[in-house]
Amino acid sequence: MEINERFGLNRNSFFYAGLNIVELIGLCLIGVATTIAIGETAWEMVVIQKVDLSDLLLLFLFLEILAMVGQYFKTGQIQVRYPIYIAIVALARVLIIQAKSMDHWEMLTIAITIVLLSVAVLIIRFGHVRYPYQTPIEKPTHHDDDEI
């Protein structure tokens, strides 16, 4: 018995519809909150009349989050690489902002983590090129992104 059958998750059930509604509301909230955060960050840069690299990286993080939400609305799936990209940029931002107050080991740990996440993206990309997804009906196809 599959998990869908065990929990009554067929596409016609009320439970499945409820999950979809909660999911949609959550994604809308994330999109609205991220858009507001972009506006607040941009306004702070205007008021201060200064743009730092950390501000640009923060805006890039926000755009990556919006791209992930948009991708989910388009395909119904989140690619594994998007959260990894967000983590890489977030760690780079921490490294840039806090570099003066960090000791060498903290900086090295963050740098190694960034490298490991980058290697993870390369492994995912290689896996999709070398071992593309296959559906039972279609011929083997090539997909660029890992989906969960």
N, C-alpha and C. Protein backbone atom coordinates (compact mmCIF):
# COMPACT_ATOMS: atom_id res chain seq x y z
N MET A 1 0.84 -1.18 0.00
CA MET A 1 0.00 0.00 0.00
C MET A 1 0.89 1.24 0.00
N GLU A 2 0.65 2.15 -0.95
CA GLU A 2 1.42 3.38 -1.04
C GLU A 2 0.96 4.37 0.02
N ILE A 3 1.82 5.34 0.29
CA ILE A 3 1.51 6.34 1.32
C ILE A 3 0.27 7.15 0.94
N ASN A 4 0.08 7.42 -0.35
CA ASN A 4 -1.10 8.17 -0.79
C ASN A 4 -2.39 7.43 -0.44
N GLU A 5 -2.38 6.12 -0.63
CA GLU A 5 -3.55 5.32 -0.31
C GLU A 5 -3.76 5.23 1.21
N ARG A 6 -2.66 5.08 1.93
CA ARG A 6 -2.73 4.92 3.37
C ARG A 6 -3.34 6.16 4.04
N PHE A 7 -3.02 7.33 3.56
CA PHE A 7 -3.50 8.56 4.18
C PHE A 7 -4.64 9.21 3.41
N GLY A 8 -5.17 8.55 2.42
CA GLY A 8 -6.30 9.08 1.65
C GLY A 8 -5.96 10.30 0.83
N LEU A 9 -4.77 10.33 0.24
CA LEU A 9 -4.31 11.49 -0.50
C LEU A 9 -4.56 11.36 -2.00
N ASN A 10 -5.72 10.92 -2.39
CA ASN A 10 -5.99 10.93 -3.82
C ASN A 10 -6.38 12.35 -4.22
N ARG A 11 -6.26 12.65 -5.48
CA ARG A 11 -6.45 14.03 -5.96
C ARG A 11 -7.87 14.54 -5.80
N ASN A 12 -8.81 13.69 -5.49
CA ASN A 12 -10.20 14.11 -5.34
C ASN A 12 -10.62 14.27 -3.88
N SER A 13 -9.73 14.00 -2.94
CA SER A 13 -10.12 14.05 -1.53
C SER A 13 -10.10 15.49 -1.01
N PHE A 14 -10.90 15.70 0.04
CA PHE A 14 -10.94 17.01 0.68
C PHE A 14 -9.62 17.31 1.37
N PHE A 15 -8.99 16.28 1.93
CA PHE A 15 -7.72 16.45 2.61
C PHE A 15 -6.66 16.96 1.65
N TYR A 16 -6.60 16.37 0.47
CA TYR A 16 -5.65 16.78 -0.57
C TYR A 16 -5.92 18.22 -0.99
N ALA A 17 -7.18 18.57 -1.16
CA ALA A 17 -7.55 19.94 -1.52
C ALA A 17 -7.16 20.90 -0.41
N GLY A 18 -7.36 20.49 0.84
CA GLY A 18 -6.98 21.33 1.97
C GLY A 18 -5.49 21.57 2.02
N LEU A 19 -4.71 20.51 1.77
CA LEU A 19 -3.26 20.66 1.72
C LEU A 19 -2.85 21.65 0.64
N ASN A 20 -3.48 21.56 -0.51
CA ASN A 20 -3.16 22.47 -1.61
C ASN A 20 -3.49 23.92 -1.25
N ILE A 21 -4.59 24.13 -0.55
CA ILE A 21 -4.98 25.49 -0.15
C ILE A 21 -3.97 26.04 0.86
N VAL A 22 -3.61 25.25 1.86
CA VAL A 22 -2.63 25.69 2.86
C VAL A 22 -1.29 25.99 2.19
N GLU A 23 -0.90 25.14 1.26
CA GLU A 23 0.34 25.33 0.53
C GLU A 23 0.30 26.63 -0.27
N LEU A 24 -0.79 26.89 -0.94
CA LEU A 24 -0.95 28.11 -1.73
C LEU A 24 -0.90 29.35 -0.84
N ILE A 25 -1.58 29.30 0.29
CA ILE A 25 -1.57 30.44 1.23
C ILE A 25 -0.15 30.67 1.75
N GLY A 26 0.54 29.60 2.10
CA GLY A 26 1.92 29.72 2.59
C GLY A 26 2.84 30.34 1.56
N LEU A 27 2.72 29.89 0.31
CA LEU A 27 3.55 30.46 -0.75
C LEU A 27 3.24 31.93 -1.00
N CYS A 28 1.96 32.27 -0.94
CA CYS A 28 1.57 33.68 -1.11
C CYS A 28 2.14 34.53 0.02
N LEU A 29 2.08 34.01 1.25
CA LEU A 29 2.65 34.75 2.38
C LEU A 29 4.15 34.94 2.23
N ILE A 30 4.84 33.90 1.80
CA ILE A 30 6.28 34.00 1.58
C ILE A 30 6.57 35.03 0.50
N GLY A 31 5.82 34.99 -0.59
CA GLY A 31 6.01 35.96 -1.67
C GLY A 31 5.76 37.39 -1.23
N VAL A 32 4.68 37.61 -0.50
CA VAL A 32 4.34 38.97 -0.03
C VAL A 32 5.39 39.45 0.98
N ALA A 33 5.75 38.59 1.93
CA ALA A 33 6.75 38.98 2.94
C ALA A 33 8.10 39.29 2.30
N THR A 34 8.48 38.50 1.32
CA THR A 34 9.75 38.74 0.63
C THR A 34 9.71 40.05 -0.15
N THR A 35 8.59 40.32 -0.80
CA THR A 35 8.43 41.58 -1.54
C THR A 35 8.50 42.78 -0.60
N ILE A 36 7.87 42.66 0.55
CA ILE A 36 7.93 43.74 1.55
C ILE A 36 9.37 43.93 2.02
N ALA A 37 10.07 42.83 2.26
CA ALA A 37 11.46 42.92 2.71
C ALA A 37 12.35 43.58 1.65
N ILE A 38 12.09 43.29 0.37
CA ILE A 38 12.83 43.96 -0.71
C ILE A 38 12.58 45.46 -0.65
N GLY A 39 11.32 45.85 -0.49
CA GLY A 39 10.99 47.26 -0.40
C GLY A 39 11.65 47.95 0.78
N GLU A 40 11.63 47.30 1.95
CA GLU A 40 12.25 47.87 3.14
C GLU A 40 13.76 48.03 2.95
N THR A 41 14.40 47.03 2.38
CA THR A 41 15.84 47.10 2.16
C THR A 41 16.18 48.20 1.16
N ALA A 42 15.41 48.28 0.09
CA ALA A 42 15.64 49.34 -0.90
C ALA A 42 15.42 50.71 -0.27
N TRP A 43 14.39 50.85 0.56
CA TRP A 43 14.12 52.13 1.21
C TRP A 43 15.26 52.53 2.15
N GLU A 44 15.79 51.57 2.89
CA GLU A 44 16.92 51.85 3.77
C GLU A 44 18.12 52.35 2.98
N MET A 45 18.38 51.75 1.81
CA MET A 45 19.50 52.20 0.98
C MET A 45 19.27 53.62 0.48
N VAL A 46 18.02 53.95 0.15
CA VAL A 46 17.70 55.30 -0.32
C VAL A 46 17.88 56.31 0.82
N VAL A 47 17.39 55.98 2.00
CA VAL A 47 17.48 56.89 3.14
C VAL A 47 18.94 57.13 3.53
N ILE A 48 19.72 56.06 3.59
CA ILE A 48 21.13 56.16 3.98
C ILE A 48 21.97 56.74 2.83
N GLN A 49 21.48 56.60 1.62
CA GLN A 49 22.19 57.02 0.40
C GLN A 49 23.52 56.29 0.24
N LYS A 50 23.46 55.00 0.54
CA LYS A 50 24.66 54.17 0.44
C LYS A 50 24.23 52.73 0.15
N VAL A 51 24.96 52.09 -0.73
CA VAL A 51 24.69 50.69 -1.05
C VAL A 51 25.96 49.90 -0.77
N ASP A 52 25.83 48.93 0.12
CA ASP A 52 26.96 48.05 0.44
C ASP A 52 26.78 46.71 -0.27
N LEU A 53 27.87 45.96 -0.33
CA LEU A 53 27.81 44.63 -0.90
C LEU A 53 26.85 43.74 -0.12
N SER A 54 26.81 43.90 1.18
CA SER A 54 25.90 43.09 1.99
C SER A 54 24.44 43.39 1.64
N ASP A 55 24.13 44.65 1.31
CA ASP A 55 22.77 45.00 0.88
C ASP A 55 22.43 44.31 -0.44
N LEU A 56 23.37 44.33 -1.36
CA LEU A 56 23.13 43.69 -2.66
C LEU A 56 22.95 42.18 -2.50
N LEU A 57 23.76 41.56 -1.64
CA LEU A 57 23.61 40.13 -1.40
C LEU A 57 22.27 39.81 -0.75
N LEU A 58 21.82 40.69 0.14
CA LEU A 58 20.52 40.50 0.76
C LEU A 58 19.41 40.58 -0.28
N LEU A 59 19.50 41.56 -1.18
CA LEU A 59 18.51 41.66 -2.26
C LEU A 59 18.55 40.42 -3.16
N PHE A 60 19.76 39.93 -3.41
CA PHE A 60 19.89 38.72 -4.21
C PHE A 60 19.24 37.53 -3.52
N LEU A 61 19.40 37.43 -2.20
CA LEU A 61 18.73 36.37 -1.44
C LEU A 61 17.21 36.46 -1.61
N PHE A 62 16.69 37.68 -1.49
CA PHE A 62 15.25 37.88 -1.65
C PHE A 62 14.80 37.46 -3.04
N LEU A 63 15.58 37.82 -4.05
CA LEU A 63 15.20 37.44 -5.43
C LEU A 63 15.25 35.93 -5.63
N GLU A 64 16.21 35.27 -5.01
CA GLU A 64 16.28 33.80 -5.09
C GLU A 64 15.06 33.16 -4.44
N ILE A 65 14.62 33.72 -3.33
CA ILE A 65 13.42 33.20 -2.66
C ILE A 65 12.20 33.38 -3.56
N LEU A 66 12.08 34.57 -4.17
CA LEU A 66 10.96 34.80 -5.09
C LEU A 66 11.04 33.86 -6.30
N ALA A 67 12.25 33.62 -6.80
CA ALA A 67 12.40 32.69 -7.92
C ALA A 67 11.98 31.28 -7.53
N MET A 68 12.30 30.88 -6.30
CA MET A 68 11.91 29.55 -5.83
C MET A 68 10.39 29.44 -5.72
N VAL A 69 9.76 30.48 -5.19
CA VAL A 69 8.30 30.49 -5.08
C VAL A 69 7.67 30.48 -6.47
N GLY A 70 8.21 31.30 -7.37
CA GLY A 70 7.70 31.33 -8.74
C GLY A 70 7.84 30.00 -9.44
N GLN A 71 8.97 29.34 -9.23
CA GLN A 71 9.19 28.01 -9.83
C GLN A 71 8.17 27.02 -9.30
N TYR A 72 7.86 27.11 -8.02
CA TYR A 72 6.88 26.20 -7.45
C TYR A 72 5.49 26.46 -8.03
N PHE A 73 5.15 27.74 -8.22
CA PHE A 73 3.85 28.05 -8.84
C PHE A 73 3.79 27.53 -10.27
N LYS A 74 4.89 27.58 -11.00
CA LYS A 74 4.90 27.13 -12.39
C LYS A 74 4.85 25.62 -12.52
N THR A 75 5.65 24.92 -11.70
CA THR A 75 5.81 23.48 -11.89
C THR A 75 5.20 22.62 -10.80
N GLY A 76 4.92 23.22 -9.64
CA GLY A 76 4.42 22.43 -8.52
C GLY A 76 5.51 21.69 -7.78
N GLN A 77 6.78 22.02 -8.10
CA GLN A 77 7.91 21.35 -7.46
C GLN A 77 8.98 22.38 -7.13
N ILE A 78 9.74 22.12 -6.09
CA ILE A 78 10.85 22.98 -5.73
C ILE A 78 12.14 22.24 -6.08
N GLN A 79 12.97 22.91 -6.85
CA GLN A 79 14.24 22.30 -7.22
C GLN A 79 15.19 22.37 -6.04
N VAL A 80 15.88 21.31 -5.79
CA VAL A 80 16.77 21.21 -4.64
C VAL A 80 17.88 22.27 -4.71
N ARG A 81 18.27 22.65 -5.91
CA ARG A 81 19.36 23.61 -6.04
C ARG A 81 19.01 24.99 -5.50
N TYR A 82 17.76 25.42 -5.58
CA TYR A 82 17.41 26.77 -5.12
C TYR A 82 17.74 26.99 -3.64
N PRO A 83 17.32 26.12 -2.74
CA PRO A 83 17.72 26.34 -1.33
C PRO A 83 19.23 26.29 -1.13
N ILE A 84 19.94 25.49 -1.93
CA ILE A 84 21.39 25.45 -1.80
C ILE A 84 22.00 26.77 -2.25
N TYR A 85 21.50 27.34 -3.34
CA TYR A 85 21.98 28.65 -3.78
C TYR A 85 21.72 29.70 -2.72
N ILE A 86 20.55 29.66 -2.12
CA ILE A 86 20.20 30.62 -1.08
C ILE A 86 21.16 30.46 0.11
N ALA A 87 21.47 29.23 0.47
CA ALA A 87 22.39 28.99 1.59
C ALA A 87 23.79 29.51 1.26
N ILE A 88 24.24 29.32 0.04
CA ILE A 88 25.57 29.80 -0.35
C ILE A 88 25.64 31.32 -0.24
N VAL A 89 24.64 32.00 -0.79
CA VAL A 89 24.65 33.47 -0.73
C VAL A 89 24.51 33.96 0.71
N ALA A 90 23.69 33.29 1.51
CA ALA A 90 23.53 33.70 2.92
C ALA A 90 24.85 33.55 3.67
N LEU A 91 25.55 32.45 3.44
CA LEU A 91 26.84 32.26 4.10
C LEU A 91 27.87 33.28 3.63
N ALA A 92 27.85 33.59 2.33
CA ALA A 92 28.77 34.61 1.81
C ALA A 92 28.48 35.96 2.45
N ARG A 93 27.21 36.25 2.63
CA ARG A 93 26.82 37.52 3.26
C ARG A 93 27.30 37.57 4.72
N VAL A 94 27.14 36.47 5.45
CA VAL A 94 27.63 36.41 6.83
C VAL A 94 29.14 36.61 6.86
N LEU A 95 29.82 35.98 5.94
CA LEU A 95 31.28 36.10 5.87
C LEU A 95 31.70 37.54 5.60
N ILE A 96 30.99 38.21 4.71
CA ILE A 96 31.33 39.60 4.37
C ILE A 96 31.03 40.54 5.53
N ILE A 97 29.86 40.38 6.13
CA ILE A 97 29.44 41.30 7.20
C ILE A 97 30.24 41.10 8.47
N GLN A 98 30.52 39.86 8.85
CA GLN A 98 31.12 39.58 10.15
C GLN A 98 32.60 39.20 10.07
N ALA A 99 33.23 39.39 8.94
CA ALA A 99 34.62 38.95 8.77
C ALA A 99 35.57 39.59 9.78
N LYS A 100 35.34 40.85 10.11
CA LYS A 100 36.25 41.54 11.04
C LYS A 100 36.16 41.00 12.46
N SER A 101 34.99 40.49 12.84
CA SER A 101 34.82 40.01 14.21
C SER A 101 35.01 38.49 14.33
N MET A 102 35.26 37.80 13.24
CA MET A 102 35.44 36.35 13.28
C MET A 102 36.91 35.98 13.46
N ASP A 103 37.13 34.84 14.11
CA ASP A 103 38.50 34.33 14.13
C ASP A 103 38.72 33.50 12.86
N HIS A 104 39.93 33.05 12.68
CA HIS A 104 40.29 32.34 11.45
C HIS A 104 39.51 31.05 11.28
N TRP A 105 39.26 30.34 12.38
CA TRP A 105 38.55 29.06 12.30
C TRP A 105 37.10 29.24 11.88
N GLU A 106 36.45 30.29 12.37
CA GLU A 106 35.07 30.56 11.96
C GLU A 106 34.99 30.88 10.47
N MET A 107 35.94 31.72 10.03
CA MET A 107 35.97 32.07 8.60
C MET A 107 36.24 30.85 7.74
N LEU A 108 37.17 30.03 8.18
CA LEU A 108 37.51 28.82 7.45
C LEU A 108 36.33 27.85 7.41
N THR A 109 35.61 27.73 8.51
CA THR A 109 34.44 26.85 8.56
C THR A 109 33.37 27.30 7.58
N ILE A 110 33.10 28.59 7.54
CA ILE A 110 32.09 29.11 6.60
C ILE A 110 32.55 28.92 5.16
N ALA A 111 33.84 29.17 4.91
CA ALA A 111 34.37 29.01 3.55
C ALA A 111 34.28 27.55 3.10
N ILE A 112 34.62 26.63 3.98
CA ILE A 112 34.53 25.20 3.65
C ILE A 112 33.08 24.80 3.41
N THR A 113 32.17 25.34 4.20
CA THR A 113 30.74 25.04 4.01
C THR A 113 30.28 25.53 2.65
N ILE A 114 30.71 26.71 2.24
CA ILE A 114 30.35 27.23 0.91
C ILE A 114 30.89 26.31 -0.18
N VAL A 115 32.13 25.86 -0.02
CA VAL A 115 32.71 24.95 -1.01
C VAL A 115 31.93 23.63 -1.06
N LEU A 116 31.59 23.09 0.11
CA LEU A 116 30.83 21.83 0.15
C LEU A 116 29.45 21.98 -0.51
N LEU A 117 28.78 23.10 -0.26
CA LEU A 117 27.49 23.33 -0.91
C LEU A 117 27.66 23.47 -2.42
N SER A 118 28.72 24.11 -2.85
CA SER A 118 28.98 24.24 -4.29
C SER A 118 29.25 22.87 -4.91
N VAL A 119 29.98 22.04 -4.21
CA VAL A 119 30.22 20.67 -4.70
C VAL A 119 28.91 19.90 -4.77
N ALA A 120 28.03 20.11 -3.80
CA ALA A 120 26.73 19.44 -3.82
C ALA A 120 25.94 19.84 -5.07
N VAL A 121 25.98 21.12 -5.44
CA VAL A 121 25.30 21.56 -6.66
C VAL A 121 25.91 20.88 -7.88
N LEU A 122 27.24 20.80 -7.93
CA LEU A 122 27.90 20.13 -9.06
C LEU A 122 27.50 18.65 -9.14
N ILE A 123 27.43 17.99 -8.00
CA ILE A 123 27.04 16.58 -7.98
C ILE A 123 25.60 16.42 -8.48
N ILE A 124 24.72 17.30 -8.04
CA ILE A 124 23.33 17.24 -8.50
C ILE A 124 23.26 17.45 -10.00
N ARG A 125 23.97 18.45 -10.49
CA ARG A 125 23.98 18.73 -11.94
C ARG A 125 24.54 17.54 -12.72
N PHE A 126 25.64 16.98 -12.24
CA PHE A 126 26.24 15.83 -12.91
C PHE A 126 25.28 14.64 -12.91
N GLY A 127 24.60 14.45 -11.79
CA GLY A 127 23.65 13.34 -11.71
C GLY A 127 22.53 13.47 -12.72
N HIS A 128 22.08 14.68 -12.98
CA HIS A 128 21.00 14.86 -13.95
C HIS A 128 21.47 14.69 -15.39
N VAL A 129 22.71 15.04 -15.63
CA VAL A 129 23.24 14.84 -16.99
C VAL A 129 23.53 13.36 -17.22
N ARG A 130 24.14 12.73 -16.24
CA ARG A 130 24.56 11.33 -16.38
C ARG A 130 23.41 10.35 -16.19
N TYR A 131 22.50 10.64 -15.27
CA TYR A 131 21.39 9.75 -14.96
C TYR A 131 20.06 10.51 -14.99
N PRO A 132 19.58 10.85 -16.15
CA PRO A 132 18.32 11.63 -16.22
C PRO A 132 17.13 10.81 -15.74
N TYR A 133 16.09 11.54 -15.31
CA TYR A 133 14.87 10.88 -14.87
C TYR A 133 14.24 10.13 -16.03
N GLN A 134 13.63 9.00 -15.72
CA GLN A 134 12.92 8.25 -16.72
C GLN A 134 11.49 8.02 -16.24
N THR A 135 10.55 8.24 -17.14
CA THR A 135 9.16 7.94 -16.81
C THR A 135 8.80 6.64 -17.50
N PRO A 136 7.86 5.89 -16.96
CA PRO A 136 7.55 4.59 -17.55
C PRO A 136 6.98 4.68 -18.96
N ILE A 137 6.34 5.79 -19.31
CA ILE A 137 5.69 5.90 -20.61
C ILE A 137 6.62 6.51 -21.65
N GLU A 138 7.41 7.48 -21.25
CA GLU A 138 8.24 8.22 -22.19
C GLU A 138 9.64 7.63 -22.29
N LYS A 139 10.36 8.10 -23.31
CA LYS A 139 11.77 7.78 -23.44
C LYS A 139 12.54 8.53 -22.36
N PRO A 140 13.76 8.11 -22.08
CA PRO A 140 14.56 8.86 -21.11
C PRO A 140 14.71 10.32 -21.56
N THR A 141 14.54 11.22 -20.62
CA THR A 141 14.65 12.64 -20.93
C THR A 141 15.70 13.27 -20.04
N HIS A 142 16.15 14.45 -20.43
CA HIS A 142 17.14 15.18 -19.66
C HIS A 142 16.45 16.30 -18.92
N HIS A 143 16.64 16.32 -17.58
CA HIS A 143 16.12 17.39 -16.75
C HIS A 143 17.30 18.09 -16.11
N ASP A 144 17.25 19.42 -16.08
CA ASP A 144 18.35 20.19 -15.52
C ASP A 144 18.33 20.27 -14.02
N ASP A 145 17.18 20.12 -13.39
CA ASP A 145 17.09 20.42 -11.98
C ASP A 145 16.56 19.25 -11.16
N ASP A 146 17.05 19.14 -9.96
CA ASP A 146 16.55 18.14 -9.03
C ASP A 146 15.25 18.64 -8.43
N GLU A 147 14.27 17.79 -8.34
CA GLU A 147 12.97 18.21 -7.84
C GLU A 147 12.59 17.36 -6.65
N ILE A 148 11.96 18.01 -5.67
CA ILE A 148 11.47 17.26 -4.50
C ILE A 148 9.99 17.47 -4.38
